[in-house]
Amino acid sequence: MSKYDIYLYEDCKILKNLLNIKNEDELDLAEAELSRANMMILYEEGFSDFSTMGIRYIHKKLFEDVYEWAGKFRVINIQKREKVLAGRSVWYTDCDNIEKELDIAWSNINSIKWQDYSKDEFVELVSKHFATLWQIHPFREGNTRTIVMLMTFFVEHYGYYFDQELIAHSAGYFRDALVMASLEQFSEYEHLEKILNDAICTEPIEDNDEINQENDSKKEKYEKYKYENYKPSPHEYVEKTND
């Protein structure tokens, strides 16, 4: 990582945080626990602002206990080495263009008459448009969790149910699916569509306790996307060019 990443402590490669934690594993755990608690609070409050301001609000609510910059767009360019791309990164939006690209993406999303589509068509459209939002990667950290939260509200806004636990249980597969759906002219959406077809449901989601009892079909659904020992690599600073 570069010394020009203003989000890192000067004496270690750890994101500056309100808890002043300088151990990566400890920060990951604290961030996960606090964002999960905030996710539950946010879900209870409800949400329907599907816009650029809305995505900022979601991120702020999830991470405001951990990062001073929660809800603020990143001011540097970043990359993340992806195993599924042999160590290369998705091309995230330049930090100077984040708001513009988000406005375009939301304009496209909100121009669609979502209620007119079948479930399969709905899943296909969600896959394409939310992959676009994810590829913009507007924040220094927490982009995927923000998209999952937005997707939950969006899906339920149009009368479906969303299995967040399936996505959490399948974090490695889900991220790889987003990566493969974010390669512009080379994008492959079928991987994302596959898991979203299982996560977006027409009936209420069964309690998690039932996974460990006699619901073999749900066990099978959860296991088919599971990665063992999944741990994502960190984002890295990328110096801006004049191109």
Protein backbone atom coordinates (compact mmCIF):
# COMPACT_ATOMS: atom_id res chain seq x y z
CA MET A 1 0.00 0.00 0.00
CA SER A 2 1.04 3.57 -0.54
CA LYS A 3 1.79 6.20 2.06
CA TYR A 4 -0.64 8.43 0.15
CA ASP A 5 -3.65 6.46 1.34
CA ILE A 6 -5.05 9.10 3.70
CA TYR A 7 -7.44 6.55 5.23
CA LEU A 8 -4.61 4.58 6.87
CA TYR A 9 -2.73 5.20 10.09
CA GLU A 10 0.78 6.50 9.38
CA ASP A 11 2.44 3.84 11.54
CA CYS A 12 0.51 0.80 10.23
CA LYS A 13 -1.57 -0.33 7.26
CA ILE A 14 -4.84 -0.23 9.18
CA LEU A 15 -7.83 1.98 8.40
CA LYS A 16 -8.14 4.89 10.80
CA ASN A 17 -11.14 4.18 13.00
CA LEU A 18 -13.08 5.74 15.85
CA LEU A 19 -12.14 2.81 18.10
CA ASN A 20 -8.43 3.42 17.49
CA ILE A 21 -7.89 -0.28 16.80
CA LYS A 22 -4.59 -1.00 15.06
CA ASN A 23 -4.92 -4.74 14.66
CA GLU A 24 -6.55 -5.92 11.42
CA ASP A 25 -8.35 -8.95 12.88
CA GLU A 26 -9.68 -6.95 15.83
CA LEU A 27 -10.91 -4.18 13.53
CA ASP A 28 -12.58 -6.69 11.20
CA LEU A 29 -14.42 -8.24 14.15
CA ALA A 30 -15.51 -4.92 15.65
CA GLU A 31 -16.60 -3.60 12.26
CA ALA A 32 -18.60 -6.76 11.53
CA GLU A 33 -20.37 -6.75 14.90
CA LEU A 34 -21.20 -3.04 14.91
CA SER A 35 -22.35 -2.95 11.28
CA ARG A 36 -24.50 -6.04 11.84
CA ALA A 37 -26.18 -4.41 14.84
CA ASN A 38 -26.74 -1.21 12.84
CA MET A 39 -28.11 -3.26 9.96
CA MET A 40 -30.80 -4.67 12.25
CA ILE A 41 -31.70 -1.19 13.52
CA LEU A 42 -31.85 0.17 9.97
CA TYR A 43 -34.04 -2.71 8.85
CA GLU A 44 -36.47 -2.01 11.68
CA GLU A 45 -36.59 1.67 10.69
CA GLY A 46 -37.28 0.90 7.02
CA PHE A 47 -35.93 2.61 3.93
CA SER A 48 -37.12 3.56 0.44
CA ASP A 49 -34.73 6.29 -0.80
CA PHE A 50 -33.26 4.57 -3.85
CA SER A 51 -30.94 7.37 -4.89
CA THR A 52 -27.39 8.67 -4.56
CA MET A 53 -28.30 10.27 -1.23
CA GLY A 54 -29.87 6.98 -0.18
CA ILE A 55 -26.73 4.92 -0.72
CA ARG A 56 -24.79 7.47 1.34
CA TYR A 57 -27.37 7.21 4.11
CA ILE A 58 -27.17 3.40 4.20
CA HIS A 59 -23.37 3.45 4.42
CA LYS A 60 -23.40 6.07 7.16
CA LYS A 61 -25.91 4.16 9.26
CA LEU A 62 -23.95 0.91 8.93
CA PHE A 63 -20.47 2.25 9.68
CA GLU A 64 -20.85 5.49 11.65
CA ASP A 65 -19.68 3.75 14.86
CA VAL A 66 -16.42 2.72 13.22
CA TYR A 67 -15.31 5.30 10.65
CA GLU A 68 -15.39 9.09 10.66
CA TRP A 69 -15.93 9.02 6.87
CA ALA A 70 -19.03 6.79 6.98
CA GLY A 71 -21.46 8.01 4.33
CA LYS A 72 -18.79 10.04 2.52
CA PHE A 73 -17.53 9.14 -0.93
CA ARG A 74 -13.89 8.11 -1.14
CA VAL A 75 -11.42 10.77 -2.27
CA ILE A 76 -8.77 8.37 -3.56
CA ASN A 77 -8.75 5.66 -6.20
CA ILE A 78 -8.58 2.07 -5.03
CA GLN A 79 -8.20 -1.47 -6.27
CA LYS A 80 -8.60 -4.95 -4.77
CA ARG A 81 -6.76 -8.03 -5.97
CA GLU A 82 -9.32 -10.71 -6.80
CA LYS A 83 -8.44 -14.41 -6.83
CA VAL A 84 -11.11 -15.04 -9.43
CA LEU A 85 -9.26 -12.58 -11.72
CA ALA A 86 -5.82 -14.07 -11.00
CA GLY A 87 -4.89 -11.15 -8.76
CA ARG A 88 -6.23 -8.36 -10.93
CA SER A 89 -8.85 -5.84 -9.82
CA VAL A 90 -12.19 -4.69 -11.09
CA TRP A 91 -11.91 -1.19 -12.58
CA TYR A 92 -13.71 0.94 -10.00
CA THR A 93 -15.01 4.42 -10.83
CA ASP A 94 -12.51 7.28 -10.57
CA CYS A 95 -13.11 9.11 -7.30
CA ASP A 96 -13.83 12.38 -9.15
CA ASN A 97 -16.73 10.76 -11.03
CA ILE A 98 -18.46 8.81 -8.24
CA GLU A 99 -21.47 11.07 -7.74
CA LYS A 100 -22.02 11.47 -11.48
CA GLU A 101 -21.86 7.72 -12.12
CA LEU A 102 -24.18 6.99 -9.19
CA ASP A 103 -26.72 9.52 -10.46
CA ILE A 104 -26.70 7.83 -13.88
CA ALA A 105 -27.04 4.36 -12.35
CA TRP A 106 -29.97 5.38 -10.15
CA SER A 107 -31.66 7.20 -13.03
CA ASN A 108 -31.51 3.97 -15.03
CA ILE A 109 -32.83 1.92 -12.11
CA ASN A 110 -35.69 4.27 -11.35
CA SER A 111 -36.76 4.47 -15.00
CA ILE A 112 -37.68 0.77 -15.00
CA LYS A 113 -41.25 -0.35 -14.27
CA TRP A 114 -40.09 -3.14 -11.98
CA GLN A 115 -43.57 -4.32 -11.07
CA ASP A 116 -44.21 -5.28 -14.70
CA TYR A 117 -41.62 -8.07 -14.75
CA SER A 118 -41.76 -11.72 -13.77
CA LYS A 119 -39.53 -12.94 -10.94
CA ASP A 120 -36.89 -14.30 -13.34
CA GLU A 121 -36.84 -11.03 -15.27
CA PHE A 122 -36.72 -9.08 -12.01
CA VAL A 123 -33.67 -11.07 -10.84
CA GLU A 124 -31.93 -10.54 -14.17
CA LEU A 125 -32.44 -6.78 -13.99
CA VAL A 126 -31.40 -6.56 -10.34
CA SER A 127 -28.21 -8.48 -11.17
CA LYS A 128 -27.21 -6.08 -13.92
CA HIS A 129 -28.14 -2.79 -12.25
CA PHE A 130 -26.87 -3.54 -8.76
CA ALA A 131 -23.61 -4.87 -10.19
CA THR A 132 -23.25 -1.45 -11.81
CA LEU A 133 -23.77 0.25 -8.43
CA TRP A 134 -21.25 -2.09 -6.81
CA GLN A 135 -18.62 -1.49 -9.51
CA ILE A 136 -18.69 2.23 -8.77
CA HIS A 137 -17.43 1.33 -5.26
CA PRO A 138 -18.20 4.77 -3.83
CA PHE A 139 -16.71 4.21 -0.37
CA ARG A 140 -13.26 3.36 0.94
CA GLU A 141 -14.65 0.27 2.66
CA GLY A 142 -18.04 -1.39 3.21
CA ASN A 143 -19.33 -1.26 -0.37
CA THR A 144 -20.59 -4.84 -0.61
CA ARG A 145 -22.47 -4.70 2.70
CA THR A 146 -24.04 -1.42 1.64
CA ILE A 147 -25.20 -2.97 -1.65
CA VAL A 148 -26.62 -6.00 0.17
CA MET A 149 -28.60 -3.73 2.49
CA LEU A 150 -29.86 -1.64 -0.43
CA MET A 151 -30.76 -4.78 -2.37
CA THR A 152 -32.74 -6.07 0.62
CA PHE A 153 -34.83 -2.92 0.82
CA PHE A 154 -35.23 -2.72 -2.95
CA VAL A 155 -36.37 -6.32 -3.35
CA GLU A 156 -38.84 -6.04 -0.47
CA HIS A 157 -40.11 -2.71 -1.81
CA TYR A 158 -41.34 -4.64 -4.85
CA GLY A 159 -43.06 -7.38 -2.87
CA TYR A 160 -40.36 -10.06 -2.64
CA TYR A 161 -38.41 -11.40 0.35
CA PHE A 162 -34.63 -11.35 0.51
CA ASP A 163 -32.51 -14.03 2.19
CA GLN A 164 -29.72 -11.92 3.70
CA GLU A 165 -28.41 -14.91 5.63
CA LEU A 166 -27.82 -16.82 2.41
CA ILE A 167 -25.74 -13.91 1.10
CA ALA A 168 -23.80 -13.63 4.39
CA HIS A 169 -23.24 -17.40 4.45
CA SER A 170 -22.01 -17.23 0.84
CA ALA A 171 -19.85 -14.08 1.06
CA GLY A 172 -17.03 -15.48 -1.08
CA TYR A 173 -19.28 -16.69 -3.86
CA PHE A 174 -21.33 -13.50 -3.77
CA ARG A 175 -18.29 -11.24 -4.08
CA ASP A 176 -16.85 -13.33 -6.92
CA ALA A 177 -20.23 -13.17 -8.67
CA LEU A 178 -20.23 -9.36 -8.35
CA VAL A 179 -16.69 -9.25 -9.71
CA MET A 180 -17.59 -11.37 -12.73
CA ALA A 181 -20.65 -9.16 -13.35
CA SER A 182 -18.47 -6.02 -13.31
CA LEU A 183 -16.12 -6.63 -16.23
CA GLU A 184 -17.92 -4.27 -18.62
CA GLN A 185 -18.09 -5.87 -22.09
CA PHE A 186 -16.77 -9.15 -20.62
CA SER A 187 -19.29 -9.28 -17.75
CA GLU A 188 -20.77 -12.65 -16.81
CA TYR A 189 -24.06 -12.18 -14.96
CA GLU A 190 -25.12 -15.81 -14.69
CA HIS A 191 -23.24 -16.40 -11.40
CA LEU A 192 -24.92 -13.46 -9.69
CA GLU A 193 -28.31 -14.37 -11.16
CA LYS A 194 -27.93 -17.91 -9.82
CA ILE A 195 -27.52 -16.91 -6.16
CA LEU A 196 -30.05 -14.07 -6.41
CA ASN A 197 -32.63 -16.50 -7.79
CA ASP A 198 -32.25 -18.38 -4.51
CA ALA A 199 -32.01 -15.26 -2.31
CA ILE A 200 -35.00 -13.43 -3.80
CA CYS A 201 -38.10 -15.31 -2.69
CA THR A 202 -41.86 -15.06 -3.13
CA GLU A 203 -42.50 -16.52 0.34
CA PRO A 204 -41.20 -15.37 3.76
CA ILE A 205 -37.73 -16.63 4.66
CA GLU A 206 -37.70 -19.50 7.16
CA ASP A 207 -35.97 -19.02 10.50
CA ASN A 208 -32.26 -19.85 10.52
CA ASP A 209 -32.80 -22.49 13.21
CA GLU A 210 -34.66 -24.58 10.66
CA ILE A 211 -31.51 -24.91 8.54
CA ASN A 212 -30.03 -27.14 11.23
CA GLN A 213 -33.13 -29.28 11.61
CA GLU A 214 -34.99 -31.12 8.87
CA ASN A 215 -34.99 -28.65 5.99
CA ASP A 216 -32.70 -30.50 3.59
CA SER A 217 -33.53 -28.27 0.62
CA LYS A 218 -32.45 -25.16 2.51
CA LYS A 219 -29.28 -26.87 3.75
CA GLU A 220 -28.44 -27.78 0.17
CA LYS A 221 -29.08 -24.22 -1.03
CA TYR A 222 -26.78 -22.78 1.62
CA GLU A 223 -24.01 -25.32 1.09
CA LYS A 224 -23.77 -24.99 -2.69
CA TYR A 225 -22.46 -21.42 -2.44
CA LYS A 226 -20.21 -21.91 0.57
CA TYR A 227 -16.49 -21.10 0.36
CA GLU A 228 -14.20 -22.55 3.03
CA ASN A 229 -12.03 -20.09 4.97
CA TYR A 230 -13.01 -17.10 2.87
CA LYS A 231 -11.14 -13.91 3.70
CA PRO A 232 -11.10 -11.03 1.21
CA SER A 233 -7.93 -9.11 0.45
CA PRO A 234 -7.82 -5.43 1.47
CA HIS A 235 -8.39 -2.51 -0.87
CA GLU A 236 -5.23 -0.76 -2.01
CA TYR A 237 -4.52 2.83 -2.91
CA VAL A 238 -4.07 3.59 -6.62
CA GLU A 239 -2.32 6.80 -7.64
CA LYS A 240 -4.29 8.97 -10.03
CA THR A 241 -2.98 9.45 -13.53
CA ASN A 242 -3.48 12.27 -15.99
CA ASP A 243 -5.20 10.02 -18.52
